[in-house]
Protein backbone atom coordinates (compact mmCIF):
# COMPACT_ATOMS: atom_id res chain seq x y z
CA MET A 1 -0.51 0.37 -0.15
CA THR A 2 1.37 3.72 -0.79
CA ASP A 3 1.58 6.04 2.48
CA THR A 4 -1.16 8.03 1.30
CA LYS A 5 -4.23 8.17 3.82
CA PHE A 6 -6.90 10.06 4.86
CA ASP A 7 -7.73 9.71 8.61
CA ILE A 8 -11.48 9.95 9.23
CA PRO A 9 -12.42 10.32 11.49
CA PHE A 10 -9.32 11.11 13.69
CA LYS A 11 -5.75 12.51 13.54
CA SER A 12 -3.39 10.98 15.52
CA PRO A 13 -0.03 11.57 16.43
CA ASN A 14 1.48 8.00 15.51
CA ILE A 15 1.03 6.07 12.65
CA PRO A 16 -1.27 3.45 13.73
CA ALA A 17 -1.75 -0.36 12.15
CA ALA A 18 -4.77 -0.82 10.03
CA LEU A 19 -6.68 -2.96 11.03
CA THR A 20 -9.49 -4.97 9.55
CA ALA A 21 -13.49 -5.12 10.65
CA ASP A 22 -13.02 -8.22 12.11
CA ALA A 23 -10.42 -7.27 14.47
CA THR A 24 -11.04 -7.60 18.28
CA ILE A 25 -10.79 -4.29 20.82
CA ARG A 26 -11.26 -3.56 23.92
CA PHE A 27 -13.36 -0.50 25.23
CA ARG A 28 -16.45 0.48 26.16
CA CYS A 29 -17.87 4.29 27.26
CA TYR A 30 -20.65 5.07 29.88
CA LYS A 31 -22.49 7.28 31.98
CA GLY A 32 -20.54 6.78 35.38
CA ILE A 33 -16.93 5.95 33.63
CA SER A 34 -14.37 8.47 35.32
CA CYS A 35 -13.52 9.76 32.05
CA PHE A 36 -17.09 10.95 31.00
CA ASN A 37 -17.17 14.08 28.57
CA ALA A 38 -13.23 13.83 28.73
CA CYS A 39 -13.00 14.09 24.96
CA CYS A 40 -15.88 16.18 24.30
CA LYS A 41 -13.29 19.00 26.71
CA GLN A 42 -10.95 18.06 23.95
CA ALA A 43 -12.61 18.53 20.84
CA ASP A 44 -11.11 18.42 17.44
CA VAL A 45 -13.99 16.81 15.23
CA THR A 46 -13.91 17.61 11.31
CA LEU A 47 -16.79 17.50 9.91
CA ALA A 48 -17.92 15.35 6.87
CA PRO A 49 -21.18 16.60 4.61
CA TYR A 50 -23.36 13.98 5.97
CA ASP A 51 -22.28 15.17 9.70
CA ILE A 52 -23.72 18.57 9.00
CA LEU A 53 -27.14 17.69 7.18
CA ARG A 54 -28.05 15.70 10.17
CA LEU A 55 -26.90 18.42 13.36
CA LYS A 56 -28.56 21.13 10.73
CA ARG A 57 -31.85 19.66 10.70
CA ARG A 58 -31.44 18.48 14.71
CA LEU A 59 -30.66 22.03 16.02
CA GLY A 60 -33.86 23.38 13.34
CA MET A 61 -31.32 26.06 11.12
CA THR A 62 -30.01 26.51 7.88
CA SER A 63 -26.54 24.87 6.82
CA SER A 64 -25.49 28.26 6.25
CA ASP A 65 -26.24 29.24 10.03
CA PHE A 66 -24.93 26.19 11.34
CA ILE A 67 -21.98 26.85 9.48
CA ARG A 68 -21.51 30.34 10.94
CA ASP A 69 -22.26 29.56 14.44
CA TYR A 70 -20.91 26.34 14.73
CA THR A 71 -17.71 25.29 12.91
CA VAL A 72 -14.31 26.45 12.35
CA PRO A 73 -12.80 26.37 8.72
CA PHE A 74 -9.12 24.48 7.86
CA GLN A 75 -7.31 23.67 4.67
CA MET A 76 -7.53 19.83 4.26
CA ASP A 77 -4.74 20.03 1.68
CA GLY A 78 -1.73 22.40 -0.13
CA ASP A 79 -3.94 23.73 -2.31
CA GLY A 80 -6.44 24.96 -0.11
CA LEU A 81 -9.27 22.32 -0.28
CA PRO A 82 -11.47 23.70 2.57
CA GLY A 83 -12.47 21.39 5.78
CA ILE A 84 -14.65 22.68 8.76
CA LYS A 85 -14.28 21.43 12.60
CA LEU A 86 -16.55 21.86 14.82
CA LYS A 87 -16.21 25.11 16.82
CA THR A 88 -15.42 24.99 20.83
CA HIS A 89 -15.29 27.09 23.72
CA ASP A 90 -11.65 29.01 24.24
CA ASN A 91 -10.80 26.17 26.50
CA GLY A 92 -11.42 23.40 23.79
CA THR A 93 -15.08 22.03 25.37
CA CYS A 94 -17.10 20.85 22.52
CA LEU A 95 -20.45 24.08 22.58
CA GLN A 96 -23.03 20.90 21.80
CA LEU A 97 -21.67 19.47 25.31
CA ASN A 98 -24.84 19.63 27.61
CA GLY A 99 -22.57 19.73 31.24
CA ASP A 100 -22.49 16.39 33.41
CA ALA A 101 -25.37 14.67 31.19
CA GLY A 102 -23.14 14.53 28.07
CA CYS A 103 -23.63 14.98 24.32
CA GLY A 104 -26.57 17.66 23.65
CA VAL A 105 -27.09 15.92 20.20
CA TYR A 106 -26.16 12.66 20.81
CA GLU A 107 -28.46 10.47 18.39
CA ASP A 108 -27.07 12.65 15.23
CA ARG A 109 -23.35 13.65 16.80
CA PRO A 110 -20.90 13.30 14.11
CA THR A 111 -19.02 10.49 12.59
CA VAL A 112 -15.77 11.54 14.65
CA CYS A 113 -17.58 11.08 17.60
CA ARG A 114 -19.27 7.86 16.66
CA TYR A 115 -16.02 5.70 16.09
CA TYR A 116 -14.68 7.01 18.72
CA PRO A 117 -11.84 5.45 19.58
CA VAL A 118 -11.62 3.79 16.72
CA ALA A 119 -10.44 5.98 13.05
CA LEU A 120 -11.32 5.19 9.53
CA LEU A 121 -8.64 4.76 7.16
CA ALA A 122 -9.06 5.40 3.12
CA LEU A 123 -6.09 3.15 2.06
CA ARG A 124 -5.57 3.08 -1.43
CA GLU A 125 -3.27 0.44 -3.12
CA LYS A 126 -0.86 1.63 -6.31
CA GLY A 127 -2.70 1.49 -9.30
CA ALA A 128 -6.54 0.88 -7.63
CA SER A 129 -9.54 2.86 -8.92
CA GLU A 130 -10.77 2.24 -5.37
CA SER A 131 -9.76 2.35 -1.80
CA LYS A 132 -10.08 0.00 0.91
CA GLU A 133 -11.24 0.88 4.43
CA ARG A 134 -9.34 0.00 7.37
CA TYR A 135 -9.30 1.14 11.33
CA SER A 136 -7.22 2.07 13.81
CA LEU A 137 -6.74 1.87 17.68
CA VAL A 138 -6.70 5.30 19.00
CA LYS A 139 -5.13 5.83 22.98
CA GLU A 140 -5.44 8.91 24.42
CA GLU A 141 -4.49 9.16 28.32
CA HIS A 142 -7.25 10.78 29.49
CA CYS A 143 -9.75 7.80 28.08
CA LYS A 144 -10.18 4.48 30.38
CA GLY A 145 -12.98 3.29 28.18
CA HIS A 146 -9.78 0.73 26.94
CA GLU A 147 -9.48 -0.29 30.76
CA GLU A 148 -13.09 -2.03 30.67
CA ASP A 149 -13.55 -5.60 30.81
CA ARG A 150 -15.53 -5.69 27.16
CA GLU A 151 -14.02 -7.09 24.15
CA ILE A 152 -15.97 -6.34 20.67
CA SER A 153 -15.25 -6.92 17.02
CA ILE A 154 -14.78 -3.46 15.00
CA ALA A 155 -17.93 -4.18 12.65
CA ASP A 156 -19.58 -5.20 15.56
CA TYR A 157 -18.89 -1.89 17.27
CA ARG A 158 -19.81 0.27 14.25
CA ALA A 159 -23.19 -1.41 13.71
CA GLU A 160 -23.27 -0.63 17.83
CA GLN A 161 -22.57 3.39 17.38
CA ARG A 162 -24.66 2.59 13.88
CA CYS A 163 -21.39 4.45 11.72
CA GLU A 164 -22.83 2.63 8.59
CA GLU A 165 -25.31 5.09 7.83
CA TYR A 166 -23.04 7.65 7.65
CA ASP A 167 -20.22 6.01 6.78
CA GLU A 168 -23.13 5.46 3.38
CA HIS A 169 -23.45 8.77 2.81
CA ASN A 170 -20.22 10.13 3.17
CA ARG A 171 -18.12 7.57 1.49
CA GLU A 172 -18.19 9.12 -2.26
CA TRP A 173 -17.31 12.05 -0.63
CA TYR A 174 -14.22 10.50 1.01
CA GLN A 175 -12.89 9.03 -2.53
CA LEU A 176 -13.54 12.65 -3.72
CA VAL A 177 -10.90 13.96 -1.27
CA LEU A 178 -8.43 10.87 -1.74
CA LYS A 179 -8.79 11.24 -5.13
CA LYS A 180 -7.48 14.75 -4.93
CA LYS A 181 -5.00 14.16 -2.07
CA SER A 182 -3.62 11.44 -3.88
CA ALA A 183 -3.32 12.87 -7.23
CA GLY A 184 -1.51 15.79 -5.92
CA PRO A 185 0.62 18.24 -8.85
CA THR A 186 -0.96 15.68 -11.51
CA VAL A 187 -4.39 17.99 -11.42
CA GLY A 188 -3.08 20.79 -10.34
CA LYS A 189 -4.41 23.06 -8.22
CA PRO A 190 -8.12 23.80 -8.55
CA PRO A 191 -9.14 27.52 -9.49
CA GLN A 192 -10.63 29.39 -7.03
CA ALA A 193 -13.91 28.68 -8.07
CA SER A 194 -13.52 25.22 -7.98
CA LEU A 195 -12.97 25.21 -3.82
CA GLN A 196 -15.99 27.70 -3.79
CA LEU A 197 -17.97 24.91 -5.63
CA PHE A 198 -16.82 22.16 -3.07
CA PHE A 199 -17.69 23.77 -0.24
CA MET A 200 -20.46 24.63 -1.34
CA ALA A 201 -21.57 21.29 -2.55
CA SER A 202 -20.06 19.49 0.29
CA TYR A 203 -21.22 21.53 3.48
CA ASP A 204 -23.58 24.44 2.60
CA ILE A 205 -26.30 22.00 1.27
CA ASP A 206 -29.45 24.73 1.07
CA THR A 207 -27.29 26.94 -0.67
CA PHE A 208 -26.20 24.30 -3.11
CA ARG A 209 -30.10 23.58 -3.13
CA ARG A 210 -30.96 26.70 -4.48
CA PHE A 211 -28.14 26.69 -6.83
CA VAL A 212 -29.54 23.69 -8.44
CA LEU A 213 -32.81 24.48 -8.51
CA SER A 214 -31.67 28.04 -10.24
CA ASP A 215 -32.54 28.81 -14.21
CA ASN A 216 -28.51 29.19 -15.42
CA PHE A 217 -28.08 25.26 -14.02
CA ARG A 218 -31.73 24.01 -15.43
CA ARG A 219 -29.96 25.25 -18.81
CA THR A 220 -26.66 24.00 -18.22
CA TYR A 221 -27.45 20.08 -17.55
CA VAL A 222 -29.40 17.80 -18.80
CA LEU A 223 -31.84 16.25 -15.78
CA PRO A 224 -35.18 14.98 -15.49
CA GLU A 225 -38.39 17.43 -14.44
CA GLY A 226 -38.83 14.40 -11.41
CA PHE A 227 -34.54 14.99 -10.44
CA TYR A 228 -35.59 18.56 -9.25
CA HIS A 229 -38.81 17.56 -7.18
CA GLU A 230 -37.08 15.18 -5.66
CA VAL A 231 -33.93 17.49 -4.59
CA GLU A 232 -36.52 20.42 -3.43
CA THR A 233 -36.89 18.48 -0.19
CA ASP A 234 -34.94 15.37 0.09
CA ASP A 235 -31.00 16.48 1.29
CA GLU A 236 -29.94 13.10 0.77
CA ALA A 237 -30.55 12.67 -2.34
CA LEU A 238 -29.44 16.36 -2.98
CA LEU A 239 -26.32 15.38 -1.30
CA ALA A 240 -25.94 12.11 -3.28
CA PHE A 241 -26.32 14.31 -6.32
CA ALA A 242 -23.22 17.10 -4.66
CA TYR A 243 -20.98 14.07 -4.94
CA LYS A 244 -21.54 13.45 -8.67
CA PHE A 245 -21.19 16.78 -9.36
CA LEU A 246 -17.95 17.49 -7.70
CA GLY A 247 -16.30 14.80 -9.54
CA GLN A 248 -17.39 16.46 -12.39
CA VAL A 249 -15.95 19.66 -11.49
CA LEU A 250 -12.72 19.04 -9.58
CA PHE A 251 -11.78 15.78 -12.01
CA GLY A 252 -14.07 16.14 -15.27
CA GLU A 253 -15.72 13.13 -14.82
CA ARG A 254 -18.69 13.73 -17.26
CA THR A 255 -21.53 11.85 -15.52
CA ILE A 256 -23.82 14.73 -15.65
CA GLU A 257 -24.55 15.49 -19.14
CA GLU A 258 -24.57 19.11 -20.15
CA VAL A 259 -26.81 20.94 -22.56
CA ALA A 260 -25.47 20.95 -26.32
CA ASN A 261 -23.15 24.05 -26.46
CA ALA A 262 -24.12 24.98 -22.74
CA TRP A 263 -20.64 26.33 -21.72
CA ASP A 264 -20.11 27.67 -25.09
CA GLU A 265 -23.34 30.02 -24.07
CA ARG A 266 -22.27 30.66 -21.15
CA VAL A 267 -18.95 32.26 -22.32
CA ALA A 268 -21.24 34.14 -24.32
CA GLN A 269 -23.21 35.07 -22.41
CA ARG A 270 -20.55 36.32 -19.94
CA LYS A 271 -18.48 37.47 -22.49
CA GLU A 272 -21.32 40.02 -23.50
CA VAL A 273 -21.41 41.17 -19.83
CA TRP A 274 -18.11 41.88 -19.19
CA ASP A 275 -17.83 44.10 -22.27
CA GLU A 276 -21.20 46.00 -20.98
CA ARG A 277 -19.90 46.29 -17.48
CA ARG A 278 -16.19 47.58 -19.47
CA GLN A 279 -17.91 49.98 -21.40
CA ALA A 280 -20.22 51.38 -18.39
CA GLU A 281 -16.66 51.51 -17.04
CA VAL A 282 -16.01 53.37 -19.44
CA GLU A 283 -18.01 56.05 -19.58
CA ARG A 284 -18.47 57.16 -15.98
CA ARG A 285 -14.42 57.45 -16.10
CA LEU A 286 -15.08 59.87 -18.84
CA ALA A 287 -18.08 61.55 -16.86
CA ASP A 288 -15.79 62.04 -14.06
CA GLU A 289 -13.02 63.97 -16.45
CA ASP A 290 -16.02 65.56 -18.34
CA LYS A 291 -16.96 66.99 -14.56
CA LYS A 292 -13.93 67.87 -13.40
CA TYR A 293 -12.88 69.78 -16.58
CA HIS A 294 -16.50 71.45 -15.89
CA ASP A 295 -15.61 71.99 -12.07
CA GLY A 296 -12.76 73.52 -13.14
CA GLY A 297 -13.46 75.47 -15.86
CA ASN A 298 -16.32 77.60 -13.27
CA ALA A 299 -13.72 77.73 -11.04
CA TYR A 300 -11.63 79.85 -13.42
CA CYS A 301 -14.36 81.95 -15.01
CA GLY A 302 -15.54 82.89 -11.27
CA ASP A 303 -11.53 83.76 -10.72
CA ASN A 304 -11.78 86.11 -13.09
C-alpha cells in the first residue's frame, strides 16, 4: 500500500497499524465512567457532509447558519481544499456538550464521535481505482474505556454506534477527497471557483440546493424534471448528486449530461456582461473627467 491515507475521523500523532473489521478491541464507554465527557472537553472534530446535514436538521437551522455559528474552517491540503471543524469554547470544550448530561446532540453526533476510539482509514493501493476501508485504534491518556472488561469486534462496534449509516452517505465524498490528495500535482491546484463549489456542495447543502434549482443550472445540465422535485425536499438525494457534481467539477468526470453548447453559450453571455460592464466603466470615467473639467472651468471663470 502507498503511504497516502485520509484519516477519518481522527488524527493521531502516531501512524497506527491498519486493522480490518473483524479485528477485536477492548473498549466500553458509559455514563459513570471516570473519564465521561473528557473527550468532549478536548474536541477536535472534523465534519463530513452528512454530519452537517444531520446536525443542522437536529438544531433546526439552515446549513449556512450552522456553518456560521458552530464551525471553523481549515485547509485539508496544500491546495486549499476546504474543510470544517466543530467550533469549541476557548478552553477546547465542544459547544454541544450539555454539562454532566453529556452530548446534547448524541443521536445525531458526528462520524468522529461515533467511531471514537476507532479511526476510519481510507487506503488506496498503488494502481487501484478505489480505496479500501481500514481501521486503527486511538489510545489517549484521558480515556479509561480501554480498561473496561469488554471485547468487541470493530464490525460490531460500528454497528453498535450506527456508523454505517453515516459512512454510506459520506463514502463517495471520502473517495473524492482521497483522489484529490493522491493525485496531487497531476491534477494541479483547483481554481478558486472550484474550491468555492467544493465548499458549497460538501457543506452548505441549502445554498447548493438554490444553486441546483436555479434557471442557469437547468439551462446547463440535462436532468429530468423529477430530479428537481426530489432534490427540492430530499437532503440525502441532493447530497448524493453533489458528489457526482464535484467529480465533474474537480476531475472532469462526465457523469452529468450537459446541454449541447451550454458552456459556449455561458462564455458568450459572460463576455457580453463583461463587455457591458467595461463599457459602463469607460463611460463613467469619461463622465468623471468631463465633470472635473466643467468644475475647473467654472472655478476659473469665477476667479476672473
